[in-house]
Amino acid sequence: MAQAWLELLPDELIAHSCLEGYRGGTLRVKVDSAVHLAEINLLLREGLLEHLRELCPRVPLTRIKLIRGYWYHTDEEGNRIPNF
């Protein structure tokens, strides 16, 4: 599913979203800003979920839930360090 997400999202949105988890048919995606969340929401309205289902037919995907938040912190030099 991660590979399909990378294929479907425009390059400028890939760095601003992170697949957080999958449970009960729902894919949870963290998005690091309200602007990027709105852009991905627009893609969902334009059929992103259906395209993801086509690329991942064995995954029973019913919903994509977008969550505003960070999966990284930034060091003094501006580099993103993933949170684990």
PDB file of N, CA and C in Angstrom:
ATOM      1  N   MET A   1       0.819  -1.181   0.000  1.00  0.00           N
ATOM      2  CA  MET A   1       0.000   0.000   0.000  1.00  0.00           C
ATOM      3  C   MET A   1       0.873   1.258   0.000  1.00  0.00           C
ATOM      4  N   ALA A   2       2.003   1.187   0.683  1.00  0.00           N
ATOM      5  CA  ALA A   2       2.901   2.343   0.726  1.00  0.00           C
ATOM      6  C   ALA A   2       3.401   2.697  -0.667  1.00  0.00           C
ATOM      7  N   GLN A   3       3.744   1.687  -1.454  1.00  0.00           N
ATOM      8  CA  GLN A   3       4.226   1.940  -2.813  1.00  0.00           C
ATOM      9  C   GLN A   3       3.127   2.576  -3.659  1.00  0.00           C
ATOM     10  N   ALA A   4       1.907   2.099  -3.517  1.00  0.00           N
ATOM     11  CA  ALA A   4       0.783   2.665  -4.265  1.00  0.00           C
ATOM     12  C   ALA A   4       0.550   4.119  -3.862  1.00  0.00           C
ATOM     13  N   TRP A   5       0.674   4.413  -2.565  1.00  0.00           N
ATOM     14  CA  TRP A   5       0.520   5.788  -2.073  1.00  0.00           C
ATOM     15  C   TRP A   5       1.554   6.699  -2.750  1.00  0.00           C
ATOM     16  N   LEU A   6       2.787   6.234  -2.821  1.00  0.00           N
ATOM     17  CA  LEU A   6       3.848   7.024  -3.452  1.00  0.00           C
ATOM     18  C   LEU A   6       3.581   7.225  -4.944  1.00  0.00           C
ATOM     19  N   GLU A   7       2.997   6.243  -5.589  1.00  0.00           N
ATOM     20  CA  GLU A   7       2.691   6.365  -7.015  1.00  0.00           C
ATOM     21  C   GLU A   7       1.540   7.326  -7.280  1.00  0.00           C
ATOM     22  N   LEU A   8       0.569   7.379  -6.382  1.00  0.00           N
ATOM     23  CA  LEU A   8      -0.632   8.164  -6.614  1.00  0.00           C
ATOM     24  C   LEU A   8      -0.516   9.622  -6.180  1.00  0.00           C
ATOM     25  N   LEU A   9       0.289   9.895  -5.178  1.00  0.00           N
ATOM     26  CA  LEU A   9       0.404  11.257  -4.675  1.00  0.00           C
ATOM     27  C   LEU A   9       1.381  12.074  -5.500  1.00  0.00           C
ATOM     28  N   PRO A  10       1.064  13.337  -5.748  1.00  0.00           N
ATOM     29  CA  PRO A  10       2.037  14.208  -6.411  1.00  0.00           C
ATOM     30  C   PRO A  10       3.294  14.339  -5.541  1.00  0.00           C
ATOM     31  N   ASP A  11       4.433  14.505  -6.186  1.00  0.00           N
ATOM     32  CA  ASP A  11       5.713  14.574  -5.463  1.00  0.00           C
ATOM     33  C   ASP A  11       5.705  15.597  -4.338  1.00  0.00           C
ATOM     34  N   GLU A  12       5.076  16.750  -4.541  1.00  0.00           N
ATOM     35  CA  GLU A  12       5.103  17.804  -3.522  1.00  0.00           C
ATOM     36  C   GLU A  12       4.319  17.434  -2.264  1.00  0.00           C
ATOM     37  N   LEU A  13       3.447  16.419  -2.340  1.00  0.00           N
ATOM     38  CA  LEU A  13       2.679  16.005  -1.161  1.00  0.00           C
ATOM     39  C   LEU A  13       3.294  14.809  -0.438  1.00  0.00           C
ATOM     40  N   ILE A  14       4.160  14.086  -1.113  1.00  0.00           N
ATOM     41  CA  ILE A  14       4.757  12.895  -0.501  1.00  0.00           C
ATOM     42  C   ILE A  14       5.536  13.246   0.766  1.00  0.00           C
ATOM     43  N   ALA A  15       6.311  14.312   0.722  1.00  0.00           N
ATOM     44  CA  ALA A  15       7.123  14.697   1.878  1.00  0.00           C
ATOM     45  C   ALA A  15       6.284  15.229   3.038  1.00  0.00           C
ATOM     46  N   HIS A  16       5.022  15.514   2.789  1.00  0.00           N
ATOM     47  CA  HIS A  16       4.172  16.104   3.818  1.00  0.00           C
ATOM     48  C   HIS A  16       3.142  15.123   4.384  1.00  0.00           C
ATOM     49  N   SER A  17       3.249  13.854   3.985  1.00  0.00           N
ATOM     50  CA  SER A  17       2.309  12.852   4.492  1.00  0.00           C
ATOM     51  C   SER A  17       3.059  11.576   4.856  1.00  0.00           C
ATOM     52  N   CYS A  18       2.472  10.841   5.790  1.00  0.00           N
ATOM     53  CA  CYS A  18       3.088   9.600   6.261  1.00  0.00           C
ATOM     54  C   CYS A  18       1.979   8.606   6.599  1.00  0.00           C
ATOM     55  N   LEU A  19       2.080   7.399   6.043  1.00  0.00           N
ATOM     56  CA  LEU A  19       1.105   6.366   6.394  1.00  0.00           C
ATOM     57  C   LEU A  19       1.371   5.953   7.834  1.00  0.00           C
ATOM     58  N   GLU A  20       0.379   6.137   8.678  1.00  0.00           N
ATOM     59  CA  GLU A  20       0.556   5.861  10.111  1.00  0.00           C
ATOM     60  C   GLU A  20       0.138   4.449  10.483  1.00  0.00           C
ATOM     61  N   GLY A  21      -0.904   3.946   9.833  1.00  0.00           N
ATOM     62  CA  GLY A  21      -1.360   2.606  10.171  1.00  0.00           C
ATOM     63  C   GLY A  21      -2.607   2.224   9.402  1.00  0.00           C
ATOM     64  N   TYR A  22      -2.937   0.942   9.506  1.00  0.00           N
ATOM     65  CA  TYR A  22      -4.118   0.403   8.846  1.00  0.00           C
ATOM     66  C   TYR A  22      -4.823  -0.510   9.834  1.00  0.00           C
ATOM     67  N   ARG A  23      -6.130  -0.304   9.980  1.00  0.00           N
ATOM     68  CA  ARG A  23      -6.893  -1.163  10.887  1.00  0.00           C
ATOM     69  C   ARG A  23      -8.367  -1.110  10.503  1.00  0.00           C
ATOM     70  N   GLY A  24      -8.954  -2.276  10.424  1.00  0.00           N
ATOM     71  CA  GLY A  24     -10.394  -2.362  10.179  1.00  0.00           C
ATOM     72  C   GLY A  24     -10.851  -1.677   8.899  1.00  0.00           C
ATOM     73  N   GLY A  25     -10.026  -1.724   7.867  1.00  0.00           N
ATOM     74  CA  GLY A  25     -10.397  -1.115   6.602  1.00  0.00           C
ATOM     75  C   GLY A  25     -10.054   0.359   6.473  1.00  0.00           C
ATOM     76  N   THR A  26      -9.516   0.941   7.542  1.00  0.00           N
ATOM     77  CA  THR A  26      -9.178   2.370   7.528  1.00  0.00           C
ATOM     78  C   THR A  26      -7.677   2.575   7.492  1.00  0.00           C
ATOM     79  N   LEU A  27      -7.234   3.346   6.531  1.00  0.00           N
ATOM     80  CA  LEU A  27      -5.836   3.750   6.433  1.00  0.00           C
ATOM     81  C   LEU A  27      -5.706   5.115   7.088  1.00  0.00           C
ATOM     82  N   ARG A  28      -4.837   5.197   8.104  1.00  0.00           N
ATOM     83  CA  ARG A  28      -4.596   6.465   8.804  1.00  0.00           C
ATOM     84  C   ARG A  28      -3.348   7.109   8.222  1.00  0.00           C
ATOM     85  N   VAL A  29      -3.486   8.391   7.843  1.00  0.00           N
ATOM     86  CA  VAL A  29      -2.398   9.124   7.210  1.00  0.00           C
ATOM     87  C   VAL A  29      -2.172  10.423   7.977  1.00  0.00           C
ATOM     88  N   LYS A  30      -0.945  10.627   8.453  1.00  0.00           N
ATOM     89  CA  LYS A  30      -0.590  11.890   9.085  1.00  0.00           C
ATOM     90  C   LYS A  30      -0.157  12.878   8.014  1.00  0.00           C
ATOM     91  N   VAL A  31      -0.585  14.120   8.188  1.00  0.00           N
ATOM     92  CA  VAL A  31      -0.243  15.197   7.266  1.00  0.00           C
ATOM     93  C   VAL A  31       0.259  16.359   8.108  1.00  0.00           C
ATOM     94  N   ASP A  32       1.392  16.964   7.709  1.00  0.00           N
ATOM     95  CA  ASP A  32       2.058  17.921   8.578  1.00  0.00           C
ATOM     96  C   ASP A  32       1.579  19.369   8.500  1.00  0.00           C
ATOM     97  N   SER A  33       0.605  19.688   7.660  1.00  0.00           N
ATOM     98  CA  SER A  33       0.078  21.057   7.649  1.00  0.00           C
ATOM     99  C   SER A  33      -1.363  21.049   7.155  1.00  0.00           C
ATOM    100  N   ALA A  34      -2.092  22.074   7.543  1.00  0.00           N
ATOM    101  CA  ALA A  34      -3.490  22.186   7.137  1.00  0.00           C
ATOM    102  C   ALA A  34      -3.612  22.356   5.623  1.00  0.00           C
ATOM    103  N   VAL A  35      -2.679  23.061   5.024  1.00  0.00           N
ATOM    104  CA  VAL A  35      -2.706  23.273   3.572  1.00  0.00           C
ATOM    105  C   VAL A  35      -2.557  21.949   2.838  1.00  0.00           C
ATOM    106  N   HIS A  36      -1.591  21.143   3.248  1.00  0.00           N
ATOM    107  CA  HIS A  36      -1.375  19.856   2.586  1.00  0.00           C
ATOM    108  C   HIS A  36      -2.516  18.881   2.884  1.00  0.00           C
ATOM    109  N   LEU A  37      -3.071  18.954   4.074  1.00  0.00           N
ATOM    110  CA  LEU A  37      -4.218  18.123   4.408  1.00  0.00           C
ATOM    111  C   LEU A  37      -5.385  18.454   3.474  1.00  0.00           C
ATOM    112  N   ALA A  38      -5.614  19.737   3.228  1.00  0.00           N
ATOM    113  CA  ALA A  38      -6.695  20.151   2.322  1.00  0.00           C
ATOM    114  C   ALA A  38      -6.433  19.658   0.899  1.00  0.00           C
ATOM    115  N   GLU A  39      -5.180  19.689   0.469  1.00  0.00           N
ATOM    116  CA  GLU A  39      -4.846  19.215  -0.877  1.00  0.00           C
ATOM    117  C   GLU A  39      -5.085  17.707  -1.010  1.00  0.00           C
ATOM    118  N   ILE A  40      -4.722  16.947   0.006  1.00  0.00           N
ATOM    119  CA  ILE A  40      -4.959  15.503  -0.045  1.00  0.00           C
ATOM    120  C   ILE A  40      -6.453  15.206   0.054  1.00  0.00           C
ATOM    121  N   ASN A  41      -7.160  16.001   0.839  1.00  0.00           N
ATOM    122  CA  ASN A  41      -8.613  15.860   0.931  1.00  0.00           C
ATOM    123  C   ASN A  41      -9.262  16.068  -0.435  1.00  0.00           C
ATOM    124  N   LEU A  42      -8.770  17.031  -1.189  1.00  0.00           N
ATOM    125  CA  LEU A  42      -9.267  17.266  -2.539  1.00  0.00           C
ATOM    126  C   LEU A  42      -9.004  16.052  -3.430  1.00  0.00           C
ATOM    127  N   LEU A  43      -7.810  15.462  -3.306  1.00  0.00           N
ATOM    128  CA  LEU A  43      -7.493  14.253  -4.071  1.00  0.00           C
ATOM    129  C   LEU A  43      -8.433  13.109  -3.697  1.00  0.00           C
ATOM    130  N   LEU A  44      -8.802  13.026  -2.413  1.00  0.00           N
ATOM    131  CA  LEU A  44      -9.756  11.995  -1.989  1.00  0.00           C
ATOM    132  C   LEU A  44     -11.103  12.209  -2.668  1.00  0.00           C
ATOM    133  N   ARG A  45     -11.553  13.444  -2.728  1.00  0.00           N
ATOM    134  CA  ARG A  45     -12.830  13.735  -3.394  1.00  0.00           C
ATOM    135  C   ARG A  45     -12.761  13.447  -4.890  1.00  0.00           C
ATOM    136  N   GLU A  46     -11.551  13.521  -5.448  1.00  0.00           N
ATOM    137  CA  GLU A  46     -11.368  13.270  -6.884  1.00  0.00           C
ATOM    138  C   GLU A  46     -11.100  11.796  -7.192  1.00  0.00           C
ATOM    139  N   GLY A  47     -11.114  10.918  -6.166  1.00  0.00           N
ATOM    140  CA  GLY A  47     -11.015   9.485  -6.427  1.00  0.00           C
ATOM    141  C   GLY A  47      -9.752   8.788  -5.948  1.00  0.00           C
ATOM    142  N   LEU A  48      -8.974   9.418  -5.069  1.00  0.00           N
ATOM    143  CA  LEU A  48      -7.745   8.798  -4.574  1.00  0.00           C
ATOM    144  C   LEU A  48      -8.013   7.446  -3.914  1.00  0.00           C
ATOM    145  N   LEU A  49      -9.061   7.344  -3.116  1.00  0.00           N
ATOM    146  CA  LEU A  49      -9.384   6.082  -2.447  1.00  0.00           C
ATOM    147  C   LEU A  49      -9.653   4.979  -3.469  1.00  0.00           C
ATOM    148  N   GLU A  50     -10.404   5.293  -4.493  1.00  0.00           N
ATOM    149  CA  GLU A  50     -10.730   4.289  -5.516  1.00  0.00           C
ATOM    150  C   GLU A  50      -9.469   3.838  -6.264  1.00  0.00           C
ATOM    151  N   HIS A  51      -8.582   4.774  -6.572  1.00  0.00           N
ATOM    152  CA  HIS A  51      -7.326   4.420  -7.246  1.00  0.00           C
ATOM    153  C   HIS A  51      -6.454   3.538  -6.355  1.00  0.00           C
ATOM    154  N   LEU A  52      -6.432   3.840  -5.071  1.00  0.00           N
ATOM    155  CA  LEU A  52      -5.656   3.035  -4.127  1.00  0.00           C
ATOM    156  C   LEU A  52      -6.231   1.621  -4.050  1.00  0.00           C
ATOM    157  N   ARG A  53      -7.547   1.521  -4.058  1.00  0.00           N
ATOM    158  CA  ARG A  53      -8.198   0.199  -4.063  1.00  0.00           C
ATOM    159  C   ARG A  53      -7.831  -0.599  -5.314  1.00  0.00           C
ATOM    160  N   GLU A  54      -7.773   0.075  -6.448  1.00  0.00           N
ATOM    161  CA  GLU A  54      -7.418  -0.599  -7.704  1.00  0.00           C
ATOM    162  C   GLU A  54      -5.992  -1.143  -7.648  1.00  0.00           C
ATOM    163  N   LEU A  55      -5.072  -0.372  -7.056  1.00  0.00           N
ATOM    164  CA  LEU A  55      -3.680  -0.797  -6.985  1.00  0.00           C
ATOM    165  C   LEU A  55      -3.435  -1.831  -5.890  1.00  0.00           C
ATOM    166  N   CYS A  56      -4.340  -1.906  -4.915  1.00  0.00           N
ATOM    167  CA  CYS A  56      -4.192  -2.842  -3.792  1.00  0.00           C
ATOM    168  C   CYS A  56      -5.481  -3.656  -3.637  1.00  0.00           C
ATOM    169  N   PRO A  57      -5.826  -4.481  -4.610  1.00  0.00           N
ATOM    170  CA  PRO A  57      -7.118  -5.172  -4.573  1.00  0.00           C
ATOM    171  C   PRO A  57      -7.270  -6.180  -3.437  1.00  0.00           C
ATOM    172  N   ARG A  58      -6.188  -6.643  -2.860  1.00  0.00           N
ATOM    173  CA  ARG A  58      -6.285  -7.637  -1.776  1.00  0.00           C
ATOM    174  C   ARG A  58      -6.452  -7.000  -0.399  1.00  0.00           C
ATOM    175  N   VAL A  59      -6.361  -5.688  -0.327  1.00  0.00           N
ATOM    176  CA  VAL A  59      -6.509  -4.979   0.944  1.00  0.00           C
ATOM    177  C   VAL A  59      -7.934  -4.435   1.022  1.00  0.00           C
ATOM    178  N   PRO A  60      -8.717  -4.841   2.026  1.00  0.00           N
ATOM    179  CA  PRO A  60     -10.084  -4.344   2.146  1.00  0.00           C
ATOM    180  C   PRO A  60     -10.105  -2.908   2.692  1.00  0.00           C
ATOM    181  N   LEU A  61      -9.875  -1.958   1.809  1.00  0.00           N
ATOM    182  CA  LEU A  61      -9.773  -0.550   2.190  1.00  0.00           C
ATOM    183  C   LEU A  61     -11.122   0.131   2.012  1.00  0.00           C
ATOM    184  N   THR A  62     -11.661   0.681   3.111  1.00  0.00           N
ATOM    185  CA  THR A  62     -12.958   1.345   3.048  1.00  0.00           C
ATOM    186  C   THR A  62     -12.871   2.850   3.262  1.00  0.00           C
ATOM    187  N   ARG A  63     -11.761   3.295   3.877  1.00  0.00           N
ATOM    188  CA  ARG A  63     -11.690   4.706   4.256  1.00  0.00           C
ATOM    189  C   ARG A  63     -10.236   5.131   4.424  1.00  0.00           C
ATOM    190  N   ILE A  64      -9.971   6.402   4.133  1.00  0.00           N
ATOM    191  CA  ILE A  64      -8.683   7.012   4.446  1.00  0.00           C
ATOM    192  C   ILE A  64      -8.962   8.143   5.423  1.00  0.00           C
ATOM    193  N   LYS A  65      -8.358   8.060   6.587  1.00  0.00           N
ATOM    194  CA  LYS A  65      -8.544   9.079   7.614  1.00  0.00           C
ATOM    195  C   LYS A  65      -7.286   9.938   7.675  1.00  0.00           C
ATOM    196  N   LEU A  66      -7.442  11.230   7.423  1.00  0.00           N
ATOM    197  CA  LEU A  66      -6.324  12.165   7.478  1.00  0.00           C
ATOM    198  C   LEU A  66      -6.243  12.776   8.868  1.00  0.00           C
ATOM    199  N   ILE A  67      -5.028  12.812   9.415  1.00  0.00           N
ATOM    200  CA  ILE A  67      -4.795  13.323  10.762  1.00  0.00           C
ATOM    201  C   ILE A  67      -3.718  14.390  10.682  1.00  0.00           C
ATOM    202  N   ARG A  68      -3.988  15.524  11.249  1.00  0.00           N
ATOM    203  CA  ARG A  68      -2.994  16.596  11.284  1.00  0.00           C
ATOM    204  C   ARG A  68      -1.974  16.272  12.359  1.00  0.00           C
ATOM    205  N   GLY A  69      -0.693  16.221  12.006  1.00  0.00           N
ATOM    206  CA  GLY A  69       0.344  15.932  12.987  1.00  0.00           C
ATOM    207  C   GLY A  69       1.695  15.693  12.353  1.00  0.00           C
ATOM    208  N   TYR A  70       2.679  15.486  13.195  1.00  0.00           N
ATOM    209  CA  TYR A  70       4.052  15.280  12.743  1.00  0.00           C
ATOM    210  C   TYR A  70       4.532  13.882  13.115  1.00  0.00           C
ATOM    211  N   TRP A  71       5.325  13.314  12.273  1.00  0.00           N
ATOM    212  CA  TRP A  71       5.961  12.018  12.510  1.00  0.00           C
ATOM    213  C   TRP A  71       7.470  12.206  12.574  1.00  0.00           C
ATOM    214  N   TYR A  72       7.897  13.440  12.691  1.00  0.00           N
ATOM    215  CA  TYR A  72       9.314  13.790  12.704  1.00  0.00           C
ATOM    216  C   TYR A  72       9.523  15.016  13.588  1.00  0.00           C
ATOM    217  N   HIS A  73      10.773  15.258  13.935  1.00  0.00           N
ATOM    218  CA  HIS A  73      11.145  16.534  14.541  1.00  0.00           C
ATOM    219  C   HIS A  73      12.284  17.104  13.705  1.00  0.00           C
ATOM    220  N   THR A  74      12.528  18.373  13.853  1.00  0.00           N
ATOM    221  CA  THR A  74      13.529  19.048  13.034  1.00  0.00           C
ATOM    222  C   THR A  74      14.718  19.428  13.903  1.00  0.00           C
ATOM    223  N   ASP A  75      15.930  19.138  13.423  1.00  0.00           N
ATOM    224  CA  ASP A  75      17.125  19.507  14.177  1.00  0.00           C
ATOM    225  C   ASP A  75      17.511  20.960  13.898  1.00  0.00           C
ATOM    226  N   GLU A  76      18.605  21.403  14.483  1.00  0.00           N
ATOM    227  CA  GLU A  76      19.029  22.802  14.362  1.00  0.00           C
ATOM    228  C   GLU A  76      19.324  23.203  12.917  1.00  0.00           C
ATOM    229  N   GLU A  77      19.687  22.245  12.088  1.00  0.00           N
ATOM    230  CA  GLU A  77      20.024  22.523  10.700  1.00  0.00           C
ATOM    231  C   GLU A  77      18.830  22.408   9.760  1.00  0.00           C
ATOM    232  N   GLY A  78      17.661  22.105  10.312  1.00  0.00           N
ATOM    233  CA  GLY A  78      16.455  22.006   9.499  1.00  0.00           C
ATOM    234  C   GLY A  78      16.200  20.630   8.906  1.00  0.00           C
ATOM    235  N   ASN A  79      16.985  19.634   9.317  1.00  0.00           N
ATOM    236  CA  ASN A  79      16.790  18.264   8.833  1.00  0.00           C
ATOM    237  C   ASN A  79      15.659  17.587   9.588  1.00  0.00           C
ATOM    238  N   ARG A  80      14.876  16.808   8.885  1.00  0.00           N
ATOM    239  CA  ARG A  80      13.782  16.051   9.529  1.00  0.00           C
ATOM    240  C   ARG A  80      14.344  14.747  10.088  1.00  0.00           C
ATOM    241  N   ILE A  81      14.044  14.515  11.359  1.00  0.00           N
ATOM    242  CA  ILE A  81      14.453  13.284  12.046  1.00  0.00           C
ATOM    243  C   ILE A  81      13.161  12.550  12.409  1.00  0.00           C
ATOM    244  N   PRO A  82      12.955  11.326  11.882  1.00  0.00           N
ATOM    245  CA  PRO A  82      11.717  10.588  12.184  1.00  0.00           C
ATOM    246  C   PRO A  82      11.612  10.268  13.687  1.00  0.00           C
ATOM    247  N   ASN A  83      10.386  10.335  14.194  1.00  0.00           N
ATOM    248  CA  ASN A  83      10.106   9.922  15.572  1.00  0.00           C
ATOM    249  C   ASN A  83       9.790   8.434  15.566  1.00  0.00           C
ATOM    250  N   PHE A  84      10.389   7.712  16.467  1.00  0.00           N
ATOM    251  CA  PHE A  84      10.112   6.277  16.598  1.00  0.00           C
ATOM    252  C   PHE A  84       9.630   5.977  17.986  1.00  0.00           C
TER     253      PHE A  84
END
